[in-house]
Amino acid sequence: MNNQYLPHECQYIPENGVYIEYIEGELPSCTLFIQREATEADIEKNSYLEILGETIWTTEIEIVFCPYCGKRLVKTENTCQENYGNFRHIDCSGWDTKIV
């Protein structure tokens, strides 16, 4: 079964740097993405950054509810809720990408 990626539409989500994606599949999940994009000031301070708008870092957090509107995004009745809540931080600000 192929996974289908769908954005969560919410009027309260900030316009820049934040989005929520629902993944429909065998084990449905929803991820909150928070990212920082390079500004001109960032490019001037960091020689590893070259392009305006380039991602500096991203944090991904698996969620069940939207933190902005409170809507339940994943039906967890048929799955173990302990499987949810994974997270990772991806730092792209240097020569190599670091995943924490």
N, C-alpha and C. Protein backbone atom coordinates (compact mmCIF):
# COMPACT_ATOMS: atom_id res chain seq x y z
N MET A 1 0.84 -1.18 0.00
CA MET A 1 0.00 0.00 0.00
C MET A 1 0.89 1.24 0.00
N ASN A 2 0.62 2.17 -0.91
CA ASN A 2 1.39 3.41 -0.97
C ASN A 2 0.87 4.40 0.05
N ASN A 3 1.80 5.13 0.66
CA ASN A 3 1.41 6.17 1.60
C ASN A 3 0.98 7.41 0.84
N GLN A 4 -0.01 8.10 1.36
CA GLN A 4 -0.47 9.35 0.78
C GLN A 4 -0.21 10.46 1.78
N TYR A 5 0.44 11.53 1.32
CA TYR A 5 0.80 12.66 2.18
C TYR A 5 -0.17 13.81 1.95
N LEU A 6 -0.84 14.24 3.02
CA LEU A 6 -1.84 15.29 2.91
C LEU A 6 -1.53 16.40 3.92
N PRO A 7 -1.59 17.66 3.49
CA PRO A 7 -1.35 18.75 4.44
C PRO A 7 -2.57 18.95 5.35
N HIS A 8 -2.32 19.34 6.59
CA HIS A 8 -3.41 19.70 7.50
C HIS A 8 -3.69 21.19 7.29
N GLU A 9 -4.90 21.50 6.90
CA GLU A 9 -5.31 22.89 6.69
C GLU A 9 -5.87 23.43 8.00
N CYS A 10 -5.23 24.46 8.53
CA CYS A 10 -5.63 25.05 9.80
C CYS A 10 -5.41 26.55 9.72
N GLN A 11 -6.40 27.32 10.07
CA GLN A 11 -6.29 28.78 9.97
C GLN A 11 -5.33 29.36 10.99
N TYR A 12 -4.95 28.61 12.01
CA TYR A 12 -4.10 29.13 13.09
C TYR A 12 -2.61 28.84 12.90
N ILE A 13 -2.25 27.98 11.95
CA ILE A 13 -0.85 27.66 11.72
C ILE A 13 -0.15 28.90 11.14
N PRO A 14 1.03 29.24 11.66
CA PRO A 14 1.78 30.38 11.10
C PRO A 14 2.04 30.17 9.60
N GLU A 15 2.06 31.26 8.85
CA GLU A 15 2.23 31.16 7.39
C GLU A 15 3.62 30.70 6.99
N ASN A 16 4.63 31.01 7.77
CA ASN A 16 6.00 30.67 7.41
C ASN A 16 6.64 29.79 8.47
N GLY A 17 7.36 28.78 8.01
CA GLY A 17 8.18 27.97 8.90
C GLY A 17 7.50 26.83 9.62
N VAL A 18 6.19 26.69 9.47
CA VAL A 18 5.48 25.62 10.17
C VAL A 18 4.47 24.99 9.22
N TYR A 19 4.45 23.66 9.20
CA TYR A 19 3.38 22.97 8.49
C TYR A 19 3.17 21.60 9.11
N ILE A 20 1.99 21.04 8.87
CA ILE A 20 1.62 19.74 9.41
C ILE A 20 1.22 18.86 8.24
N GLU A 21 1.75 17.64 8.25
CA GLU A 21 1.49 16.70 7.15
C GLU A 21 0.94 15.40 7.72
N TYR A 22 -0.18 14.95 7.17
CA TYR A 22 -0.80 13.69 7.55
C TYR A 22 -0.35 12.63 6.57
N ILE A 23 0.07 11.49 7.09
CA ILE A 23 0.50 10.38 6.23
C ILE A 23 -0.51 9.26 6.40
N GLU A 24 -1.25 9.01 5.33
CA GLU A 24 -2.26 7.96 5.32
C GLU A 24 -1.56 6.68 4.88
N GLY A 25 -1.74 5.61 5.61
CA GLY A 25 -1.12 4.36 5.25
C GLY A 25 -1.46 3.29 6.27
N GLU A 26 -0.64 2.23 6.30
CA GLU A 26 -0.88 1.12 7.22
C GLU A 26 -0.86 1.60 8.66
N LEU A 27 0.10 2.45 9.01
CA LEU A 27 0.17 3.07 10.34
C LEU A 27 0.08 4.58 10.13
N PRO A 28 -1.15 5.13 10.14
CA PRO A 28 -1.30 6.57 9.88
C PRO A 28 -0.57 7.41 10.93
N SER A 29 -0.01 8.51 10.49
CA SER A 29 0.66 9.40 11.42
C SER A 29 0.54 10.84 10.93
N CYS A 30 0.89 11.74 11.80
CA CYS A 30 0.85 13.15 11.46
C CYS A 30 2.10 13.79 12.05
N THR A 31 2.76 14.62 11.26
CA THR A 31 4.02 15.22 11.69
C THR A 31 3.94 16.73 11.61
N LEU A 32 4.39 17.37 12.69
CA LEU A 32 4.53 18.82 12.76
C LEU A 32 5.97 19.14 12.34
N PHE A 33 6.12 19.96 11.32
CA PHE A 33 7.44 20.38 10.84
C PHE A 33 7.63 21.85 11.21
N ILE A 34 8.74 22.15 11.86
CA ILE A 34 9.11 23.52 12.17
C ILE A 34 10.48 23.73 11.55
N GLN A 35 10.62 24.73 10.69
CA GLN A 35 11.91 24.93 10.03
C GLN A 35 12.32 26.39 10.01
N ARG A 36 13.61 26.59 9.96
CA ARG A 36 14.20 27.93 9.89
C ARG A 36 14.90 28.05 8.56
N GLU A 37 14.55 29.08 7.80
CA GLU A 37 15.15 29.33 6.48
C GLU A 37 16.13 30.49 6.56
N ALA A 38 17.15 30.43 5.73
CA ALA A 38 18.22 31.43 5.75
C ALA A 38 17.74 32.80 5.27
N THR A 39 18.13 33.81 6.02
CA THR A 39 17.90 35.20 5.62
C THR A 39 19.23 35.75 5.11
N GLU A 40 19.22 36.97 4.60
CA GLU A 40 20.48 37.58 4.14
C GLU A 40 21.48 37.69 5.28
N ALA A 41 21.00 38.01 6.48
CA ALA A 41 21.88 38.11 7.64
C ALA A 41 22.53 36.76 7.96
N ASP A 42 21.76 35.68 7.84
CA ASP A 42 22.30 34.33 8.09
C ASP A 42 23.39 33.99 7.08
N ILE A 43 23.16 34.33 5.82
CA ILE A 43 24.14 34.05 4.76
C ILE A 43 25.43 34.82 4.99
N GLU A 44 25.31 36.05 5.45
CA GLU A 44 26.50 36.86 5.74
C GLU A 44 27.30 36.29 6.91
N LYS A 45 26.62 35.71 7.91
CA LYS A 45 27.29 35.19 9.10
C LYS A 45 27.82 33.76 8.93
N ASN A 46 27.23 32.98 8.05
CA ASN A 46 27.58 31.56 7.93
C ASN A 46 28.01 31.25 6.50
N SER A 47 29.27 30.92 6.31
CA SER A 47 29.80 30.67 4.96
C SER A 47 29.28 29.38 4.34
N TYR A 48 28.66 28.51 5.12
CA TYR A 48 28.10 27.27 4.58
C TYR A 48 26.74 27.49 3.93
N LEU A 49 26.10 28.59 4.25
CA LEU A 49 24.81 28.91 3.65
C LEU A 49 25.04 29.74 2.40
N GLU A 50 24.34 29.39 1.32
CA GLU A 50 24.58 30.07 0.05
C GLU A 50 23.33 30.69 -0.57
N ILE A 51 22.16 30.15 -0.25
CA ILE A 51 20.94 30.53 -0.95
C ILE A 51 19.92 31.11 0.04
N LEU A 52 19.36 32.24 -0.30
CA LEU A 52 18.30 32.84 0.49
C LEU A 52 17.12 31.87 0.53
N GLY A 53 16.61 31.59 1.71
CA GLY A 53 15.49 30.65 1.85
C GLY A 53 15.92 29.21 2.05
N GLU A 54 17.22 28.94 1.99
CA GLU A 54 17.74 27.59 2.22
C GLU A 54 17.42 27.17 3.65
N THR A 55 17.08 25.90 3.84
CA THR A 55 16.74 25.42 5.18
C THR A 55 17.99 25.34 6.04
N ILE A 56 17.94 25.99 7.21
CA ILE A 56 19.04 25.94 8.17
C ILE A 56 18.84 24.75 9.10
N TRP A 57 17.64 24.58 9.61
CA TRP A 57 17.32 23.42 10.43
C TRP A 57 15.83 23.12 10.34
N THR A 58 15.49 21.87 10.64
CA THR A 58 14.11 21.41 10.67
C THR A 58 13.92 20.53 11.89
N THR A 59 12.83 20.71 12.58
CA THR A 59 12.45 19.81 13.66
C THR A 59 11.14 19.15 13.26
N GLU A 60 11.11 17.82 13.37
CA GLU A 60 9.92 17.04 13.03
C GLU A 60 9.42 16.36 14.29
N ILE A 61 8.13 16.55 14.59
CA ILE A 61 7.53 15.96 15.79
C ILE A 61 6.25 15.24 15.38
N GLU A 62 6.19 13.96 15.69
CA GLU A 62 4.98 13.19 15.38
C GLU A 62 3.91 13.56 16.39
N ILE A 63 2.72 13.92 15.89
CA ILE A 63 1.65 14.42 16.77
C ILE A 63 0.35 13.66 16.51
N VAL A 64 -0.56 13.72 17.45
CA VAL A 64 -1.89 13.15 17.30
C VAL A 64 -2.92 14.26 17.15
N PHE A 65 -2.69 15.39 17.85
CA PHE A 65 -3.59 16.55 17.79
C PHE A 65 -2.84 17.75 17.21
N CYS A 66 -3.56 18.62 16.50
CA CYS A 66 -2.97 19.87 16.01
C CYS A 66 -2.75 20.79 17.21
N PRO A 67 -1.52 21.27 17.42
CA PRO A 67 -1.28 22.17 18.55
C PRO A 67 -1.88 23.55 18.37
N TYR A 68 -2.37 23.86 17.18
CA TYR A 68 -2.92 25.19 16.90
C TYR A 68 -4.43 25.24 17.01
N CYS A 69 -5.13 24.21 16.50
CA CYS A 69 -6.59 24.23 16.54
C CYS A 69 -7.17 23.15 17.46
N GLY A 70 -6.34 22.19 17.89
CA GLY A 70 -6.79 21.15 18.80
C GLY A 70 -7.46 19.96 18.14
N LYS A 71 -7.61 19.98 16.82
CA LYS A 71 -8.28 18.90 16.10
C LYS A 71 -7.47 17.61 16.22
N ARG A 72 -8.17 16.50 16.44
CA ARG A 72 -7.53 15.18 16.44
C ARG A 72 -7.18 14.84 14.99
N LEU A 73 -5.92 14.56 14.74
CA LEU A 73 -5.45 14.33 13.38
C LEU A 73 -5.25 12.86 13.05
N VAL A 74 -5.03 12.04 14.06
CA VAL A 74 -4.80 10.61 13.85
C VAL A 74 -5.73 9.83 14.77
N LYS A 75 -6.43 8.90 14.17
CA LYS A 75 -7.29 8.02 14.96
C LYS A 75 -6.41 6.92 15.52
N THR A 76 -6.22 6.91 16.82
CA THR A 76 -5.31 5.96 17.45
C THR A 76 -6.04 4.84 18.18
N GLU A 77 -7.34 4.73 18.00
CA GLU A 77 -8.10 3.70 18.72
C GLU A 77 -7.61 2.30 18.38
N ASN A 78 -7.23 2.08 17.12
CA ASN A 78 -6.84 0.75 16.68
C ASN A 78 -5.33 0.51 16.77
N THR A 79 -4.58 1.48 17.23
CA THR A 79 -3.14 1.34 17.32
C THR A 79 -2.67 1.72 18.72
N CYS A 80 -1.49 1.34 19.04
CA CYS A 80 -0.91 1.64 20.35
C CYS A 80 -0.43 3.09 20.37
N GLN A 81 -0.96 3.91 21.27
CA GLN A 81 -0.57 5.32 21.32
C GLN A 81 0.89 5.49 21.69
N GLU A 82 1.51 4.48 22.29
CA GLU A 82 2.93 4.57 22.64
C GLU A 82 3.81 4.61 21.39
N ASN A 83 3.26 4.22 20.22
CA ASN A 83 4.03 4.26 18.98
C ASN A 83 4.14 5.68 18.44
N TYR A 84 3.42 6.64 19.01
CA TYR A 84 3.43 8.01 18.53
C TYR A 84 4.30 8.89 19.42
N GLY A 85 4.76 9.99 18.86
CA GLY A 85 5.55 10.94 19.64
C GLY A 85 7.02 10.97 19.25
N ASN A 86 7.40 10.27 18.17
CA ASN A 86 8.79 10.31 17.72
C ASN A 86 9.14 11.71 17.26
N PHE A 87 10.41 12.07 17.36
CA PHE A 87 10.85 13.38 16.91
C PHE A 87 12.29 13.29 16.45
N ARG A 88 12.70 14.29 15.66
CA ARG A 88 14.10 14.43 15.27
C ARG A 88 14.36 15.87 14.86
N HIS A 89 15.61 16.26 15.01
CA HIS A 89 16.04 17.61 14.64
C HIS A 89 17.13 17.46 13.58
N ILE A 90 16.99 18.16 12.47
CA ILE A 90 17.94 18.06 11.37
C ILE A 90 18.61 19.43 11.21
N ASP A 91 19.93 19.47 11.46
CA ASP A 91 20.70 20.71 11.40
C ASP A 91 21.47 20.74 10.08
N CYS A 92 21.13 21.69 9.21
CA CYS A 92 21.76 21.83 7.89
C CYS A 92 22.64 23.07 7.81
N SER A 93 23.07 23.58 8.95
CA SER A 93 23.77 24.86 8.97
C SER A 93 25.27 24.74 8.74
N GLY A 94 25.79 23.54 8.67
CA GLY A 94 27.24 23.36 8.51
C GLY A 94 27.59 22.57 7.27
N TRP A 95 28.82 22.12 7.26
CA TRP A 95 29.34 21.37 6.11
C TRP A 95 28.55 20.08 5.89
N ASP A 96 28.20 19.40 6.98
CA ASP A 96 27.41 18.17 6.87
C ASP A 96 26.10 18.34 7.65
N THR A 97 25.14 17.52 7.31
CA THR A 97 23.85 17.55 7.97
C THR A 97 23.90 16.66 9.19
N LYS A 98 23.40 17.17 10.31
CA LYS A 98 23.38 16.41 11.56
C LYS A 98 21.93 16.11 11.91
N ILE A 99 21.63 14.84 12.17
CA ILE A 99 20.30 14.44 12.60
C ILE A 99 20.40 14.02 14.06
N VAL A 100 19.63 14.69 14.90
CA VAL A 100 19.67 14.42 16.34
C VAL A 100 18.35 13.79 16.76
